[in-house]
Full PDB file with SEQRES, HELIX, SHEET, SSBOND, CRYST1, ORIGX, SCALE, CONECT and MASTER records, all heavy atoms in Angstrom:
SEQRES   1 A   40  GLY ALA LEU VAL ILE VAL ASP ASN THR PHE ALA THR PRO          
SEQRES   2 A   40  ILE ASN GLN HIS PRO LEU THR LEU GLY ALA ASP ILE VAL          
SEQRES   3 A   40  LEU HIS SER ALA SER LYS TYR LEU GLY GLY HIS ALA ASP          
SEQRES   4 A   40  ALA                                                          
HELIX    1 AA1 THR A   12  ASN A   15  1                                   4    
HELIX    2 AA2 PRO A   18  LEU A   21  5                                   4    
SHEET    1 AA1 2 ILE A   5  ASP A   7  0                                        
SHEET    2 AA1 2 ILE A  25  LEU A  27  1                                        
CRYST1    1.000    1.000    1.000  90.00  90.00  90.00 P 1           1          
ORIGX1      1.000000  0.000000  0.000000        0.00000                         
ORIGX2      0.000000  1.000000  0.000000        0.00000                         
ORIGX3      0.000000  0.000000  1.000000        0.00000                         
SCALE1      1.000000  0.000000  0.000000        0.00000                         
SCALE2      0.000000  1.000000  0.000000        0.00000                         
SCALE3      0.000000  0.000000  1.000000        0.00000                         
ATOM      1  N   GLY A   1       4.768 -20.287  -7.935  1.00  0.00           N  
ATOM      2  CA  GLY A   1       5.811 -19.346  -8.337  1.00  0.00           C  
ATOM      3  C   GLY A   1       5.307 -17.994  -8.788  1.00  0.00           C  
ATOM      4  O   GLY A   1       5.992 -17.287  -9.535  1.00  0.00           O  
ATOM      5  N   ALA A   2       4.109 -17.619  -8.344  1.00  0.00           N  
ATOM      6  CA  ALA A   2       3.523 -16.340  -8.758  1.00  0.00           C  
ATOM      7  C   ALA A   2       3.995 -15.195  -7.877  1.00  0.00           C  
ATOM      8  O   ALA A   2       4.254 -15.360  -6.686  1.00  0.00           O  
ATOM      9  CB  ALA A   2       2.001 -16.414  -8.733  1.00  0.00           C  
ATOM     10  N   LEU A   3       4.072 -14.026  -8.470  1.00  0.00           N  
ATOM     11  CA  LEU A   3       4.400 -12.793  -7.765  1.00  0.00           C  
ATOM     12  C   LEU A   3       3.113 -12.252  -7.149  1.00  0.00           C  
ATOM     13  O   LEU A   3       2.065 -12.252  -7.791  1.00  0.00           O  
ATOM     14  CB  LEU A   3       4.967 -11.791  -8.765  1.00  0.00           C  
ATOM     15  CG  LEU A   3       5.719 -10.563  -8.260  1.00  0.00           C  
ATOM     16  CD1 LEU A   3       7.045 -10.987  -7.639  1.00  0.00           C  
ATOM     17  CD2 LEU A   3       5.963  -9.608  -9.432  1.00  0.00           C  
ATOM     18  N   VAL A   4       3.192 -11.784  -5.905  1.00  0.00           N  
ATOM     19  CA  VAL A   4       2.014 -11.245  -5.220  1.00  0.00           C  
ATOM     20  C   VAL A   4       2.151  -9.732  -5.081  1.00  0.00           C  
ATOM     21  O   VAL A   4       3.108  -9.235  -4.479  1.00  0.00           O  
ATOM     22  CB  VAL A   4       1.825 -11.881  -3.827  1.00  0.00           C  
ATOM     23  CG1 VAL A   4       0.576 -11.294  -3.150  1.00  0.00           C  
ATOM     24  CG2 VAL A   4       1.718 -13.395  -3.941  1.00  0.00           C  
ATOM     25  N   ILE A   5       1.201  -9.007  -5.670  1.00  0.00           N  
ATOM     26  CA  ILE A   5       1.174  -7.547  -5.599  1.00  0.00           C  
ATOM     27  C   ILE A   5      -0.086  -7.143  -4.841  1.00  0.00           C  
ATOM     28  O   ILE A   5      -1.185  -7.618  -5.149  1.00  0.00           O  
ATOM     29  CB  ILE A   5       1.163  -6.911  -6.998  1.00  0.00           C  
ATOM     30  CG1 ILE A   5       2.408  -7.344  -7.788  1.00  0.00           C  
ATOM     31  CG2 ILE A   5       1.097  -5.393  -6.903  1.00  0.00           C  
ATOM     32  CD1 ILE A   5       2.424  -6.847  -9.232  1.00  0.00           C  
ATOM     33  N   VAL A   6       0.060  -6.263  -3.847  1.00  0.00           N  
ATOM     34  CA  VAL A   6      -1.082  -5.837  -3.037  1.00  0.00           C  
ATOM     35  C   VAL A   6      -1.199  -4.312  -3.043  1.00  0.00           C  
ATOM     36  O   VAL A   6      -0.239  -3.604  -2.731  1.00  0.00           O  
ATOM     37  CB  VAL A   6      -0.962  -6.330  -1.574  1.00  0.00           C  
ATOM     38  CG1 VAL A   6      -2.127  -5.800  -0.734  1.00  0.00           C  
ATOM     39  CG2 VAL A   6      -0.926  -7.857  -1.518  1.00  0.00           C  
ATOM     40  N   ASP A   7      -2.373  -3.832  -3.402  1.00  0.00           N  
ATOM     41  CA  ASP A   7      -2.693  -2.406  -3.319  1.00  0.00           C  
ATOM     42  C   ASP A   7      -3.089  -2.109  -1.876  1.00  0.00           C  
ATOM     43  O   ASP A   7      -4.122  -2.570  -1.389  1.00  0.00           O  
ATOM     44  CB  ASP A   7      -3.840  -2.068  -4.280  1.00  0.00           C  
ATOM     45  CG  ASP A   7      -4.144  -0.577  -4.334  1.00  0.00           C  
ATOM     46  OD1 ASP A   7      -3.828   0.138  -3.364  1.00  0.00           O  
ATOM     47  OD2 ASP A   7      -4.729  -0.134  -5.338  1.00  0.00           O  
ATOM     48  N   ASN A   8      -2.259  -1.335  -1.190  1.00  0.00           N  
ATOM     49  CA  ASN A   8      -2.443  -1.045   0.232  1.00  0.00           C  
ATOM     50  C   ASN A   8      -2.939   0.383   0.470  1.00  0.00           C  
ATOM     51  O   ASN A   8      -2.831   0.905   1.578  1.00  0.00           O  
ATOM     52  CB  ASN A   8      -1.101  -1.252   0.968  1.00  0.00           C  
ATOM     53  CG  ASN A   8      -1.258  -1.510   2.455  1.00  0.00           C  
ATOM     54  OD1 ASN A   8      -2.236  -2.100   2.893  1.00  0.00           O  
ATOM     55  ND2 ASN A   8      -0.284  -1.072   3.239  1.00  0.00           N  
ATOM     56  N   THR A   9      -3.500   0.998  -0.572  1.00  0.00           N  
ATOM     57  CA  THR A   9      -3.895   2.406  -0.492  1.00  0.00           C  
ATOM     58  C   THR A   9      -4.892   2.666   0.626  1.00  0.00           C  
ATOM     59  O   THR A   9      -4.720   3.594   1.424  1.00  0.00           O  
ATOM     60  CB  THR A   9      -4.492   2.873  -1.834  1.00  0.00           C  
ATOM     61  OG1 THR A   9      -3.505   2.737  -2.864  1.00  0.00           O  
ATOM     62  CG2 THR A   9      -4.928   4.328  -1.756  1.00  0.00           C  
ATOM     63  N   PHE A  10      -5.950   1.861   0.710  1.00  0.00           N  
ATOM     64  CA  PHE A  10      -6.983   2.086   1.712  1.00  0.00           C  
ATOM     65  C   PHE A  10      -6.480   1.831   3.128  1.00  0.00           C  
ATOM     66  O   PHE A  10      -6.859   2.526   4.066  1.00  0.00           O  
ATOM     67  CB  PHE A  10      -8.201   1.190   1.431  1.00  0.00           C  
ATOM     68  CG  PHE A  10      -9.274   1.840   0.610  1.00  0.00           C  
ATOM     69  CD1 PHE A  10      -8.964   2.818  -0.321  1.00  0.00           C  
ATOM     70  CD2 PHE A  10     -10.595   1.469   0.750  1.00  0.00           C  
ATOM     71  CE1 PHE A  10      -9.951   3.420  -1.086  1.00  0.00           C  
ATOM     72  CE2 PHE A  10     -11.602   2.061  -0.006  1.00  0.00           C  
ATOM     73  CZ  PHE A  10     -11.273   3.043  -0.918  1.00  0.00           C  
ATOM     74  N   ALA A  11      -5.647   0.820   3.302  1.00  0.00           N  
ATOM     75  CA  ALA A  11      -5.203   0.448   4.649  1.00  0.00           C  
ATOM     76  C   ALA A  11      -4.098   1.361   5.161  1.00  0.00           C  
ATOM     77  O   ALA A  11      -4.089   1.718   6.343  1.00  0.00           O  
ATOM     78  CB  ALA A  11      -4.736  -1.003   4.666  1.00  0.00           C  
ATOM     79  N   THR A  12      -3.156   1.723   4.290  1.00  0.00           N  
ATOM     80  CA  THR A  12      -1.942   2.471   4.624  1.00  0.00           C  
ATOM     81  C   THR A  12      -0.991   1.612   5.449  1.00  0.00           C  
ATOM     82  O   THR A  12      -1.420   0.643   6.092  1.00  0.00           O  
ATOM     83  CB  THR A  12      -2.209   3.790   5.398  1.00  0.00           C  
ATOM     84  OG1 THR A  12      -2.410   3.512   6.793  1.00  0.00           O  
ATOM     85  CG2 THR A  12      -3.376   4.554   4.831  1.00  0.00           C  
ATOM     86  N   PRO A  13       0.304   1.973   5.473  1.00  0.00           N  
ATOM     87  CA  PRO A  13       1.254   1.216   6.286  1.00  0.00           C  
ATOM     88  C   PRO A  13       1.059   1.400   7.787  1.00  0.00           C  
ATOM     89  O   PRO A  13       1.705   0.706   8.579  1.00  0.00           O  
ATOM     90  CB  PRO A  13       2.620   1.768   5.839  1.00  0.00           C  
ATOM     91  CG  PRO A  13       2.331   3.091   5.235  1.00  0.00           C  
ATOM     92  CD  PRO A  13       0.965   2.992   4.632  1.00  0.00           C  
ATOM     93  N   ILE A  14       0.174   2.301   8.182  1.00  0.00           N  
ATOM     94  CA  ILE A  14      -0.141   2.438   9.608  1.00  0.00           C  
ATOM     95  C   ILE A  14      -1.003   1.272  10.071  1.00  0.00           C  
ATOM     96  O   ILE A  14      -0.858   0.774  11.188  1.00  0.00           O  
ATOM     97  CB  ILE A  14      -0.857   3.781   9.884  1.00  0.00           C  
ATOM     98  CG1 ILE A  14      -0.010   4.965   9.409  1.00  0.00           C  
ATOM     99  CG2 ILE A  14      -1.210   3.914  11.366  1.00  0.00           C  
ATOM    100  CD1 ILE A  14       1.375   5.034  10.025  1.00  0.00           C  
ATOM    101  N   ASN A  15      -1.892   0.809   9.217  1.00  0.00           N  
ATOM    102  CA  ASN A  15      -2.845  -0.239   9.598  1.00  0.00           C  
ATOM    103  C   ASN A  15      -2.464  -1.644   9.124  1.00  0.00           C  
ATOM    104  O   ASN A  15      -2.888  -2.627   9.736  1.00  0.00           O  
ATOM    105  CB  ASN A  15      -4.233   0.098   9.041  1.00  0.00           C  
ATOM    106  CG  ASN A  15      -4.842   1.322   9.686  1.00  0.00           C  
ATOM    107  OD1 ASN A  15      -4.559   1.636  10.839  1.00  0.00           O  
ATOM    108  ND2 ASN A  15      -5.670   2.039   8.939  1.00  0.00           N  
ATOM    109  N   GLN A  16      -1.698  -1.765   8.057  1.00  0.00           N  
ATOM    110  CA  GLN A  16      -1.479  -3.083   7.443  1.00  0.00           C  
ATOM    111  C   GLN A  16      -0.131  -3.143   6.742  1.00  0.00           C  
ATOM    112  O   GLN A  16       0.269  -2.180   6.081  1.00  0.00           O  
ATOM    113  CB  GLN A  16      -2.606  -3.332   6.441  1.00  0.00           C  
ATOM    114  CG  GLN A  16      -2.551  -4.632   5.675  1.00  0.00           C  
ATOM    115  CD  GLN A  16      -3.806  -4.827   4.842  1.00  0.00           C  
ATOM    116  OE1 GLN A  16      -4.773  -5.419   5.289  1.00  0.00           O  
ATOM    117  NE2 GLN A  16      -3.812  -4.298   3.610  1.00  0.00           N  
ATOM    118  N   HIS A  17       0.560  -4.287   6.859  1.00  0.00           N  
ATOM    119  CA  HIS A  17       1.861  -4.488   6.209  1.00  0.00           C  
ATOM    120  C   HIS A  17       1.822  -5.753   5.346  1.00  0.00           C  
ATOM    121  O   HIS A  17       2.166  -6.841   5.802  1.00  0.00           O  
ATOM    122  CB  HIS A  17       2.983  -4.596   7.241  1.00  0.00           C  
ATOM    123  CG  HIS A  17       3.376  -3.282   7.838  1.00  0.00           C  
ATOM    124  ND1 HIS A  17       3.059  -2.922   9.125  1.00  0.00           N  
ATOM    125  CD2 HIS A  17       4.035  -2.225   7.302  1.00  0.00           C  
ATOM    126  CE1 HIS A  17       3.521  -1.709   9.369  1.00  0.00           C  
ATOM    127  NE2 HIS A  17       4.111  -1.261   8.277  1.00  0.00           N  
ATOM    128  N   PRO A  18       1.410  -5.630   4.089  1.00  0.00           N  
ATOM    129  CA  PRO A  18       1.307  -6.801   3.213  1.00  0.00           C  
ATOM    130  C   PRO A  18       2.618  -7.574   3.042  1.00  0.00           C  
ATOM    131  O   PRO A  18       2.591  -8.790   2.869  1.00  0.00           O  
ATOM    132  CB  PRO A  18       0.843  -6.201   1.880  1.00  0.00           C  
ATOM    133  CG  PRO A  18       0.090  -4.972   2.273  1.00  0.00           C  
ATOM    134  CD  PRO A  18       0.854  -4.422   3.436  1.00  0.00           C  
ATOM    135  N   LEU A  19       3.757  -6.884   3.057  1.00  0.00           N  
ATOM    136  CA  LEU A  19       5.033  -7.585   2.853  1.00  0.00           C  
ATOM    137  C   LEU A  19       5.291  -8.595   3.957  1.00  0.00           C  
ATOM    138  O   LEU A  19       5.844  -9.672   3.708  1.00  0.00           O  
ATOM    139  CB  LEU A  19       6.187  -6.579   2.768  1.00  0.00           C  
ATOM    140  CG  LEU A  19       6.145  -5.597   1.591  1.00  0.00           C  
ATOM    141  CD1 LEU A  19       7.343  -4.648   1.649  1.00  0.00           C  
ATOM    142  CD2 LEU A  19       6.116  -6.327   0.245  1.00  0.00           C  
ATOM    143  N   THR A  20       4.900  -8.283   5.168  1.00  0.00           N  
ATOM    144  CA  THR A  20       5.099  -9.221   6.278  1.00  0.00           C  
ATOM    145  C   THR A  20       4.108 -10.380   6.215  1.00  0.00           C  
ATOM    146  O   THR A  20       4.292 -11.391   6.897  1.00  0.00           O  
ATOM    147  CB  THR A  20       4.958  -8.513   7.639  1.00  0.00           C  
ATOM    148  OG1 THR A  20       3.608  -8.062   7.805  1.00  0.00           O  
ATOM    149  CG2 THR A  20       5.902  -7.324   7.733  1.00  0.00           C  
ATOM    150  N   LEU A  21       3.070 -10.232   5.394  1.00  0.00           N  
ATOM    151  CA  LEU A  21       2.057 -11.281   5.242  1.00  0.00           C  
ATOM    152  C   LEU A  21       2.308 -12.157   4.020  1.00  0.00           C  
ATOM    153  O   LEU A  21       1.512 -13.051   3.730  1.00  0.00           O  
ATOM    154  CB  LEU A  21       0.670 -10.644   5.142  1.00  0.00           C  
ATOM    155  CG  LEU A  21       0.205  -9.862   6.375  1.00  0.00           C  
ATOM    156  CD1 LEU A  21      -1.055  -9.061   6.066  1.00  0.00           C  
ATOM    157  CD2 LEU A  21      -0.038 -10.799   7.548  1.00  0.00           C  
ATOM    158  N   GLY A  22       3.396 -11.896   3.306  1.00  0.00           N  
ATOM    159  CA  GLY A  22       3.748 -12.750   2.180  1.00  0.00           C  
ATOM    160  C   GLY A  22       3.734 -12.091   0.822  1.00  0.00           C  
ATOM    161  O   GLY A  22       4.114 -12.718  -0.170  1.00  0.00           O  
ATOM    162  N   ALA A  23       3.290 -10.837   0.735  1.00  0.00           N  
ATOM    163  CA  ALA A  23       3.289 -10.138  -0.558  1.00  0.00           C  
ATOM    164  C   ALA A  23       4.720  -9.833  -0.992  1.00  0.00           C  
ATOM    165  O   ALA A  23       5.630  -9.710  -0.169  1.00  0.00           O  
ATOM    166  CB  ALA A  23       2.485  -8.851  -0.463  1.00  0.00           C  
ATOM    167  N   ASP A  24       4.916  -9.724  -2.303  1.00  0.00           N  
ATOM    168  CA  ASP A  24       6.232  -9.382  -2.861  1.00  0.00           C  
ATOM    169  C   ASP A  24       6.364  -7.885  -3.115  1.00  0.00           C  
ATOM    170  O   ASP A  24       7.435  -7.313  -2.953  1.00  0.00           O  
ATOM    171  CB  ASP A  24       6.445 -10.137  -4.180  1.00  0.00           C  
ATOM    172  CG  ASP A  24       6.457 -11.632  -3.985  1.00  0.00           C  
ATOM    173  OD1 ASP A  24       7.373 -12.131  -3.313  1.00  0.00           O  
ATOM    174  OD2 ASP A  24       5.531 -12.300  -4.495  1.00  0.00           O  
ATOM    175  N   ILE A  25       5.263  -7.262  -3.539  1.00  0.00           N  
ATOM    176  CA  ILE A  25       5.250  -5.827  -3.822  1.00  0.00           C  
ATOM    177  C   ILE A  25       3.997  -5.231  -3.194  1.00  0.00           C  
ATOM    178  O   ILE A  25       2.905  -5.791  -3.307  1.00  0.00           O  
ATOM    179  CB  ILE A  25       5.268  -5.546  -5.340  1.00  0.00           C  
ATOM    180  CG1 ILE A  25       6.624  -5.936  -5.948  1.00  0.00           C  
ATOM    181  CG2 ILE A  25       4.952  -4.088  -5.632  1.00  0.00           C  
ATOM    182  CD1 ILE A  25       6.681  -5.782  -7.459  1.00  0.00           C  
ATOM    183  N   VAL A  26       4.155  -4.104  -2.521  1.00  0.00           N  
ATOM    184  CA  VAL A  26       3.014  -3.352  -1.998  1.00  0.00           C  
ATOM    185  C   VAL A  26       3.008  -2.002  -2.705  1.00  0.00           C  
ATOM    186  O   VAL A  26       4.064  -1.403  -2.931  1.00  0.00           O  
ATOM    187  CB  VAL A  26       3.093  -3.193  -0.467  1.00  0.00           C  
ATOM    188  CG1 VAL A  26       4.379  -2.511  -0.045  1.00  0.00           C  
ATOM    189  CG2 VAL A  26       1.898  -2.416   0.068  1.00  0.00           C  
ATOM    190  N   LEU A  27       1.821  -1.554  -3.094  1.00  0.00           N  
ATOM    191  CA  LEU A  27       1.742  -0.278  -3.809  1.00  0.00           C  
ATOM    192  C   LEU A  27       0.702   0.641  -3.194  1.00  0.00           C  
ATOM    193  O   LEU A  27      -0.214   0.201  -2.488  1.00  0.00           O  
ATOM    194  CB  LEU A  27       1.477  -0.501  -5.297  1.00  0.00           C  
ATOM    195  CG  LEU A  27       0.167  -1.137  -5.755  1.00  0.00           C  
ATOM    196  CD1 LEU A  27      -0.945  -0.091  -5.872  1.00  0.00           C  
ATOM    197  CD2 LEU A  27       0.355  -1.825  -7.094  1.00  0.00           C  
ATOM    198  N   HIS A  28       0.869   1.933  -3.477  1.00  0.00           N  
ATOM    199  CA  HIS A  28      -0.039   2.964  -2.977  1.00  0.00           C  
ATOM    200  C   HIS A  28      -0.314   4.003  -4.050  1.00  0.00           C  
ATOM    201  O   HIS A  28       0.588   4.361  -4.812  1.00  0.00           O  
ATOM    202  CB  HIS A  28       0.585   3.725  -1.795  1.00  0.00           C  
ATOM    203  CG  HIS A  28       0.779   2.921  -0.564  1.00  0.00           C  
ATOM    204  ND1 HIS A  28      -0.171   2.837   0.437  1.00  0.00           N  
ATOM    205  CD2 HIS A  28       1.831   2.159  -0.159  1.00  0.00           C  
ATOM    206  CE1 HIS A  28       0.294   2.063   1.402  1.00  0.00           C  
ATOM    207  NE2 HIS A  28       1.501   1.642   1.060  1.00  0.00           N  
ATOM    208  N   SER A  29      -1.534   4.494  -4.062  1.00  0.00           N  
ATOM    209  CA  SER A  29      -1.795   5.784  -4.680  1.00  0.00           C  
ATOM    210  C   SER A  29      -1.453   6.798  -3.601  1.00  0.00           C  
ATOM    211  O   SER A  29      -2.230   7.024  -2.661  1.00  0.00           O  
ATOM    212  CB  SER A  29      -3.257   5.913  -5.106  1.00  0.00           C  
ATOM    213  OG  SER A  29      -3.512   7.247  -5.506  1.00  0.00           O  
ATOM    214  N   ALA A  30      -0.277   7.400  -3.713  1.00  0.00           N  
ATOM    215  CA  ALA A  30       0.197   8.329  -2.684  1.00  0.00           C  
ATOM    216  C   ALA A  30      -0.636   9.603  -2.645  1.00  0.00           C  
ATOM    217  O   ALA A  30      -0.574  10.365  -1.666  1.00  0.00           O  
ATOM    218  CB  ALA A  30       1.666   8.672  -2.934  1.00  0.00           C  
ATOM    219  N   SER A  31      -1.431   9.836  -3.694  1.00  0.00           N  
ATOM    220  CA  SER A  31      -2.318  10.999  -3.740  1.00  0.00           C  
ATOM    221  C   SER A  31      -3.354  10.952  -2.626  1.00  0.00           C  
ATOM    222  O   SER A  31      -3.940  11.982  -2.278  1.00  0.00           O  
ATOM    223  CB  SER A  31      -3.057  11.052  -5.082  1.00  0.00           C  
ATOM    224  OG  SER A  31      -2.233  10.664  -6.155  1.00  0.00           O  
ATOM    225  N   LYS A  32      -3.587   9.764  -2.077  1.00  0.00           N  
ATOM    226  CA  LYS A  32      -4.646   9.569  -1.093  1.00  0.00           C  
ATOM    227  C   LYS A  32      -4.108   9.772   0.329  1.00  0.00           C  
ATOM    228  O   LYS A  32      -3.732  10.872   0.694  1.00  0.00           O  
ATOM    229  CB  LYS A  32      -5.271   8.185  -1.286  1.00  0.00           C  
ATOM    230  CG  LYS A  32      -5.662   7.853  -2.729  1.00  0.00           C  
ATOM    231  CD  LYS A  32      -6.646   8.836  -3.315  1.00  0.00           C  
ATOM    232  CE  LYS A  32      -7.219   8.405  -4.647  1.00  0.00           C  
ATOM    233  NZ  LYS A  32      -6.259   8.243  -5.739  1.00  0.00           N  
ATOM    234  N   TYR A  33      -4.073   8.710   1.124  1.00  0.00           N  
ATOM    235  CA  TYR A  33      -3.730   8.852   2.535  1.00  0.00           C  
ATOM    236  C   TYR A  33      -2.290   9.283   2.789  1.00  0.00           C  
ATOM    237  O   TYR A  33      -2.015  10.020   3.737  1.00  0.00           O  
ATOM    238  CB  TYR A  33      -3.987   7.539   3.275  1.00  0.00           C  
ATOM    239  CG  TYR A  33      -5.436   7.277   3.549  1.00  0.00           C  
ATOM    240  CD1 TYR A  33      -6.144   6.337   2.812  1.00  0.00           C  
ATOM    241  CD2 TYR A  33      -6.115   7.969   4.551  1.00  0.00           C  
ATOM    242  CE1 TYR A  33      -7.477   6.093   3.060  1.00  0.00           C  
ATOM    243  CE2 TYR A  33      -7.450   7.736   4.807  1.00  0.00           C  
ATOM    244  CZ  TYR A  33      -8.134   6.797   4.067  1.00  0.00           C  
ATOM    245  OH  TYR A  33      -9.456   6.571   4.318  1.00  0.00           O  
ATOM    246  N   LEU A  34      -1.342   8.830   1.982  1.00  0.00           N  
ATOM    247  CA  LEU A  34       0.051   9.167   2.263  1.00  0.00           C  
ATOM    248  C   LEU A  34       0.247  10.675   2.250  1.00  0.00           C  
ATOM    249  O   LEU A  34       0.785  11.259   3.194  1.00  0.00           O  
ATOM    250  CB  LEU A  34       0.988   8.491   1.255  1.00  0.00           C  
ATOM    251  CG  LEU A  34       1.065   6.959   1.305  1.00  0.00           C  
ATOM    252  CD1 LEU A  34       2.170   6.459   0.386  1.00  0.00           C  
ATOM    253  CD2 LEU A  34       1.296   6.451   2.727  1.00  0.00           C  
ATOM    254  N   GLY A  35      -0.185  11.328   1.176  1.00  0.00           N  
ATOM    255  CA  GLY A  35      -0.103  12.787   1.115  1.00  0.00           C  
ATOM    256  C   GLY A  35      -1.097  13.439   2.057  1.00  0.00           C  
ATOM    257  O   GLY A  35      -0.767  14.353   2.803  1.00  0.00           O  
ATOM    258  N   GLY A  36      -2.340  12.984   1.982  1.00  0.00           N  
ATOM    259  CA  GLY A  36      -3.354  13.361   2.954  1.00  0.00           C  
ATOM    260  C   GLY A  36      -3.960  14.747   2.829  1.00  0.00           C  
ATOM    261  O   GLY A  36      -4.815  15.117   3.629  1.00  0.00           O  
ATOM    262  N   HIS A  37      -3.535  15.527   1.833  1.00  0.00           N  
ATOM    263  CA  HIS A  37      -4.042  16.898   1.731  1.00  0.00           C  
ATOM    264  C   HIS A  37      -4.607  17.223   0.347  1.00  0.00           C  
ATOM    265  O   HIS A  37      -4.902  18.393   0.055  1.00  0.00           O  
ATOM    266  CB  HIS A  37      -2.942  17.905   2.092  1.00  0.00           C  
ATOM    267  CG  HIS A  37      -2.571  17.863   3.534  1.00  0.00           C  
ATOM    268  ND1 HIS A  37      -1.779  16.856   4.069  1.00  0.00           N  
ATOM    269  CD2 HIS A  37      -2.895  18.669   4.567  1.00  0.00           C  
ATOM    270  CE1 HIS A  37      -1.626  17.070   5.371  1.00  0.00           C  
ATOM    271  NE2 HIS A  37      -2.293  18.155   5.699  1.00  0.00           N  
ATOM    272  N   ALA A  38      -4.750  16.221  -0.505  1.00  0.00           N  
ATOM    273  CA  ALA A  38      -5.382  16.393  -1.818  1.00  0.00           C  
ATOM    274  C   ALA A  38      -4.708  17.471  -2.660  1.00  0.00           C  
ATOM    275  O   ALA A  38      -5.374  18.172  -3.426  1.00  0.00           O  
ATOM    276  CB  ALA A  38      -6.878  16.699  -1.650  1.00  0.00           C  
ATOM    277  N   ASP A  39      -3.386  17.598  -2.505  1.00  0.00           N  
ATOM    278  CA  ASP A  39      -2.688  18.630  -3.269  1.00  0.00           C  
ATOM    279  C   ASP A  39      -1.495  18.096  -4.051  1.00  0.00           C  
ATOM    280  O   ASP A  39      -0.685  18.874  -4.567  1.00  0.00           O  
ATOM    281  CB  ASP A  39      -2.227  19.763  -2.338  1.00  0.00           C  
ATOM    282  CG  ASP A  39      -1.307  19.274  -1.216  1.00  0.00           C  
ATOM    283  OD1 ASP A  39      -1.004  18.063  -1.160  1.00  0.00           O  
ATOM    284  OD2 ASP A  39      -0.894  20.113  -0.389  1.00  0.00           O  
ATOM    285  N   ALA A  40      -1.382  16.769  -4.163  1.00  0.00           N  
ATOM    286  CA  ALA A  40      -0.249  16.187  -4.888  1.00  0.00           C  
ATOM    287  C   ALA A  40      -0.633  14.826  -5.454  1.00  0.00           C  
ATOM    288  O   ALA A  40      -1.224  14.005  -4.755  1.00  0.00           O  
ATOM    289  CB  ALA A  40       0.964  16.046  -3.966  1.00  0.00           C  
TER     290      ALA A  40                                                      
MASTER        0    0    0    2    2    0    0    6  289    1    0    4          
END                                                                             
């Protein structure tokens, strides 16, 4: 009955989808690949 949280920052949703693999919550440091320009 445990909650599964996966940090997907390195993989990004382009390469990996933890929710489809059984995770309950996926998280990102959006400062990294999502933003991609080191300005936010």
